[in-house]
C-alpha atoms as a PDB file:
ATOM      1  CA  MET A   1      72.293  16.322  27.810  1.00  0.00           C
ATOM      2  CA  PHE A   2      75.789  17.152  29.528  1.00  0.00           C
ATOM      3  CA  SER A   3      75.681  20.691  27.963  1.00  0.00           C
ATOM      4  CA  PHE A   4      72.087  21.115  29.255  1.00  0.00           C
ATOM      5  CA  ARG A   5      73.149  20.029  32.693  1.00  0.00           C
ATOM      6  CA  CYS A   6      76.098  22.586  32.644  1.00  0.00           C
ATOM      7  CA  LEU A   7      73.810  25.481  31.523  1.00  0.00           C
ATOM      8  CA  MET A   8      71.399  24.524  34.280  1.00  0.00           C
ATOM      9  CA  ARG A   9      74.073  24.668  36.922  1.00  0.00           C
ATOM     10  CA  GLU A  10      75.698  27.820  35.549  1.00  0.00           C
ATOM     11  CA  SER A  11      72.494  29.996  35.119  1.00  0.00           C
ATOM     12  CA  PRO A  12      69.306  28.138  35.570  1.00  0.00           C
ATOM     13  CA  VAL A  13      66.862  31.075  35.920  1.00  0.00           C
ATOM     14  CA  LYS A  14      68.211  32.615  32.565  1.00  0.00           C
ATOM     15  CA  LEU A  15      67.983  29.098  30.856  1.00  0.00           C
ATOM     16  CA  VAL A  16      64.377  28.596  32.081  1.00  0.00           C
ATOM     17  CA  ILE A  17      63.120  32.049  31.201  1.00  0.00           C
ATOM     18  CA  ILE A  18      64.781  31.720  27.464  1.00  0.00           C
ATOM     19  CA  LEU A  19      63.386  28.182  27.167  1.00  0.00           C
ATOM     20  CA  LEU A  20      59.905  29.374  28.349  1.00  0.00           C
ATOM     21  CA  GLY A  21      60.050  32.475  26.000  1.00  0.00           C
ATOM     22  CA  PHE A  22      61.322  30.424  22.988  1.00  0.00           C
ATOM     23  CA  SER A  23      58.807  27.718  23.411  1.00  0.00           C
ATOM     24  CA  ILE A  24      55.923  30.159  23.681  1.00  0.00           C
ATOM     25  CA  ILE A  25      57.018  31.803  20.452  1.00  0.00           C
ATOM     26  CA  VAL A  26      57.476  28.568  18.598  1.00  0.00           C
ATOM     27  CA  PHE A  27      54.190  26.847  19.677  1.00  0.00           C
ATOM     28  CA  GLY A  28      52.269  30.093  19.273  1.00  0.00           C
ATOM     29  CA  TYR A  29      53.631  30.390  15.528  1.00  0.00           C
ATOM     30  CA  CYS A  30      52.757  26.846  14.908  1.00  0.00           C
ATOM     31  CA  TYR A  31      49.138  27.389  16.071  1.00  0.00           C
ATOM     32  CA  TRP A  32      49.031  30.443  13.868  1.00  0.00           C
ATOM     33  CA  VAL A  33      50.234  28.533  10.805  1.00  0.00           C
ATOM     34  CA  PHE A  34      47.927  25.608  11.096  1.00  0.00           C
ATOM     35  CA  GLU A  35      44.662  27.284  12.160  1.00  0.00           C
ATOM     36  CA  GLN A  36      44.450  30.283   9.928  1.00  0.00           C
ATOM     37  CA  ASP A  37      41.845  28.557   7.631  1.00  0.00           C
ATOM     38  CA  PHE A  38      39.321  27.557  10.279  1.00  0.00           C
ATOM     39  CA  PRO A  39      36.168  29.302  11.544  1.00  0.00           C
ATOM     40  CA  THR A  40      36.596  32.405  13.786  1.00  0.00           C
ATOM     41  CA  ASP A  41      34.371  33.654  16.467  1.00  0.00           C
ATOM     42  CA  GLY A  42      34.884  37.449  16.700  1.00  0.00           C
ATOM     43  CA  ASN A  43      38.241  38.215  18.530  1.00  0.00           C
ATOM     44  CA  LYS A  44      38.686  34.424  19.304  1.00  0.00           C
ATOM     45  CA  ASN A  45      40.467  33.598  16.401  1.00  0.00           C
ATOM     46  CA  PHE A  46      44.008  32.430  15.484  1.00  0.00           C
ATOM     47  CA  ASN A  47      44.608  35.324  13.053  1.00  0.00           C
ATOM     48  CA  TYR A  48      46.225  37.224  15.860  1.00  0.00           C
ATOM     49  CA  LEU A  49      49.615  36.054  17.235  1.00  0.00           C
ATOM     50  CA  SER A  50      48.871  37.218  20.732  1.00  0.00           C
ATOM     51  CA  ASN A  51      45.864  34.724  20.689  1.00  0.00           C
ATOM     52  CA  THR A  52      48.174  31.944  19.704  1.00  0.00           C
ATOM     53  CA  PHE A  53      50.850  32.949  22.245  1.00  0.00           C
ATOM     54  CA  TRP A  54      48.018  32.987  25.017  1.00  0.00           C
ATOM     55  CA  LEU A  55      46.945  29.497  23.955  1.00  0.00           C
ATOM     56  CA  SER A  56      50.382  28.080  24.108  1.00  0.00           C
ATOM     57  CA  ILE A  57      51.080  29.690  27.650  1.00  0.00           C
ATOM     58  CA  ILE A  58      47.656  28.245  28.818  1.00  0.00           C
ATOM     59  CA  THR A  59      48.446  24.839  27.369  1.00  0.00           C
ATOM     60  CA  MET A  60      52.054  24.816  28.656  1.00  0.00           C
ATOM     61  CA  THR A  61      50.873  25.434  32.094  1.00  0.00           C
ATOM     62  CA  THR A  62      47.920  23.055  31.717  1.00  0.00           C
ATOM     63  CA  VAL A  63      45.567  25.513  32.915  1.00  0.00           C
ATOM     64  CA  GLY A  64      43.142  25.162  29.739  1.00  0.00           C
ATOM     65  CA  TYR A  65      40.519  27.791  30.066  1.00  0.00           C
ATOM     66  CA  GLY A  66      38.849  26.753  27.057  1.00  0.00           C
ATOM     67  CA  ASP A  67      38.399  30.011  25.477  1.00  0.00           C
ATOM     68  CA  PHE A  68      40.731  29.175  22.557  1.00  0.00           C
ATOM     69  CA  PHE A  69      41.055  25.575  21.257  1.00  0.00           C
ATOM     70  CA  PRO A  70      42.501  23.950  18.095  1.00  0.00           C
ATOM     71  CA  TRP A  71      40.207  22.736  15.234  1.00  0.00           C
ATOM     72  CA  SER A  72      42.643  20.899  12.967  1.00  0.00           C
ATOM     73  CA  ILE A  73      44.333  17.465  13.823  1.00  0.00           C
ATOM     74  CA  PHE A  74      47.711  18.917  13.234  1.00  0.00           C
ATOM     75  CA  THR A  75      47.131  21.772  15.771  1.00  0.00           C
ATOM     76  CA  LYS A  76      45.702  19.253  18.371  1.00  0.00           C
ATOM     77  CA  ILE A  77      49.048  17.239  17.861  1.00  0.00           C
ATOM     78  CA  ILE A  78      50.951  20.422  18.425  1.00  0.00           C
ATOM     79  CA  GLY A  79      48.778  21.073  21.481  1.00  0.00           C
ATOM     80  CA  ILE A  80      49.746  17.591  22.875  1.00  0.00           C
ATOM     81  CA  ILE A  81      53.278  18.293  22.263  1.00  0.00           C
ATOM     82  CA  CYS A  82      53.068  21.697  23.891  1.00  0.00           C
ATOM     83  CA  ALA A  83      51.347  20.332  27.017  1.00  0.00           C
ATOM     84  CA  PHE A  84      54.202  17.725  27.457  1.00  0.00           C
ATOM     85  CA  PHE A  85      56.791  20.159  26.879  1.00  0.00           C
ATOM     86  CA  GLY A  86      55.050  22.624  29.207  1.00  0.00           C
ATOM     87  CA  VAL A  87      55.159  20.135  31.884  1.00  0.00           C
ATOM     88  CA  PHE A  88      58.819  19.802  31.373  1.00  0.00           C
ATOM     89  CA  VAL A  89      59.443  23.657  31.568  1.00  0.00           C
ATOM     90  CA  VAL A  90      57.184  24.067  34.491  1.00  0.00           C
ATOM     91  CA  SER A  91      59.063  21.219  36.416  1.00  0.00           C
ATOM     92  CA  LEU A  92      62.343  22.859  35.675  1.00  0.00           C
ATOM     93  CA  PHE A  93      61.122  26.218  36.933  1.00  0.00           C
ATOM     94  CA  VAL A  94      59.981  24.353  40.262  1.00  0.00           C
ATOM     95  CA  ILE A  95      63.294  22.684  40.586  1.00  0.00           C
ATOM     96  CA  THR A  96      65.197  25.971  39.955  1.00  0.00           C
ATOM     97  CA  LEU A  97      63.034  27.620  42.580  1.00  0.00           C
ATOM     98  CA  THR A  98      63.548  24.887  45.130  1.00  0.00           C
ATOM     99  CA  ASN A  99      67.283  24.902  44.566  1.00  0.00           C
ATOM    100  CA  TYR A 100      67.419  28.695  45.298  1.00  0.00           C
ATOM    101  CA  LEU A 101      65.292  28.326  48.539  1.00  0.00           C
ATOM    102  CA  ASN A 102      67.258  25.288  49.918  1.00  0.00           C
ATOM    103  CA  MET A 103      70.027  26.150  52.296  1.00  0.00           C
ATOM    104  CA  ASP A 104      73.386  24.518  52.200  1.00  0.00           C
ATOM    105  CA  GLY A 105      75.178  23.273  55.286  1.00  0.00           C
ATOM    106  CA  ALA A 106      76.711  26.700  56.450  1.00  0.00           C
ATOM    107  CA  GLU A 107      73.475  28.498  55.992  1.00  0.00           C
ATOM    108  CA  GLU A 108      71.517  25.799  57.858  1.00  0.00           C
ATOM    109  CA  ARG A 109      73.955  25.840  60.833  1.00  0.00           C
ATOM    110  CA  SER A 110      73.795  29.947  60.879  1.00  0.00           C
ATOM    111  CA  PHE A 111      69.862  29.880  60.848  1.00  0.00           C
ATOM    112  CA  SER A 112      69.929  27.337  63.512  1.00  0.00           C
ATOM    113  CA  LEU A 113      72.348  29.399  65.688  1.00  0.00           C
ATOM    114  CA  LEU A 114      70.246  32.551  65.037  1.00  0.00           C
ATOM    115  CA  GLN A 115      67.143  30.604  66.283  1.00  0.00           C
ATOM    116  CA  LYS A 116      68.992  29.468  69.268  1.00  0.00           C
ATOM    117  CA  LEU A 117      70.127  32.887  70.062  1.00  0.00           C
ATOM    118  CA  GLU A 118      66.622  34.236  69.672  1.00  0.00           C
ATOM    119  CA  ASP A 119      65.336  31.541  71.970  1.00  0.00           C
ATOM    120  CA  TRP A 120      67.934  32.432  74.469  1.00  0.00           C
ATOM    121  CA  ASP A 121      66.936  36.049  74.461  1.00  0.00           C
ATOM    122  CA  GLY A 122      63.380  35.113  75.098  1.00  0.00           C
ATOM    123  CA  LEU A 123      64.316  32.954  77.975  1.00  0.00           C
ATOM    124  CA  LEU A 124      66.350  35.690  79.364  1.00  0.00           C
ATOM    125  CA  THR A 125      63.435  38.046  79.105  1.00  0.00           C
ATOM    126  CA  TRP A 126      61.111  35.522  80.740  1.00  0.00           C
ATOM    127  CA  ALA A 127      63.521  34.818  83.663  1.00  0.00           C
ATOM    128  CA  THR A 128      63.991  38.418  84.276  1.00  0.00           C
ATOM    129  CA  SER A 129      60.300  38.963  84.551  1.00  0.00           C
ATOM    130  CA  CYS A 130      59.882  35.911  86.768  1.00  0.00           C
ATOM    131  CA  LEU A 131      62.676  37.423  89.206  1.00  0.00           C
ATOM    132  CA  ILE A 132      61.061  40.584  89.211  1.00  0.00           C
ATOM    133  CA  ALA A 133      57.641  39.223  89.981  1.00  0.00           C
ATOM    134  CA  GLY A 134      59.253  37.222  92.739  1.00  0.00           C
ATOM    135  CA  TYR A 135      60.895  40.180  94.184  1.00  0.00           C
ATOM    136  CA  LYS A 136      57.770  42.299  94.074  1.00  0.00           C
ATOM    137  CA  SER A 137      55.948  39.408  95.698  1.00  0.00           C
ATOM    138  CA  TRP A 138      58.577  39.116  98.573  1.00  0.00           C
ATOM    139  CA  LYS A 139      58.743  42.719  99.069  1.00  0.00           C
ATOM    140  CA  ALA A 140      54.837  42.927  99.353  1.00  0.00           C
ATOM    141  CA  LYS A 141      54.988  40.380 102.156  1.00  0.00           C
END
């Protein structure tokens, strides 16, 4: 677990992409192996690896379109494992994305300062407009 945490800290995007790709290939191959002898419906069969990869992606993201579904009990068990592992991988992806979008202390202070400067510029523009309008009103009288 320590090595996994070290890898996540060092290069999280690379690890999540590799983990996602590897799991799609492994689960797709498992679907392909266990489902070849079951009934087919045109192009909706498990003889094509692309269909099994599609099923593993849809199962891992818990979308579940229903266009492909397992027939055997072994493949259904693989689908359950794939779904749980998919929740794990998708949560790692969300955590990685959240960590990239969070600002540290220095970035937060810089952003706050930039917002204050922008607000100050807006205030100066407003004050200048008020002074000009007051001057024009005074001159008109």
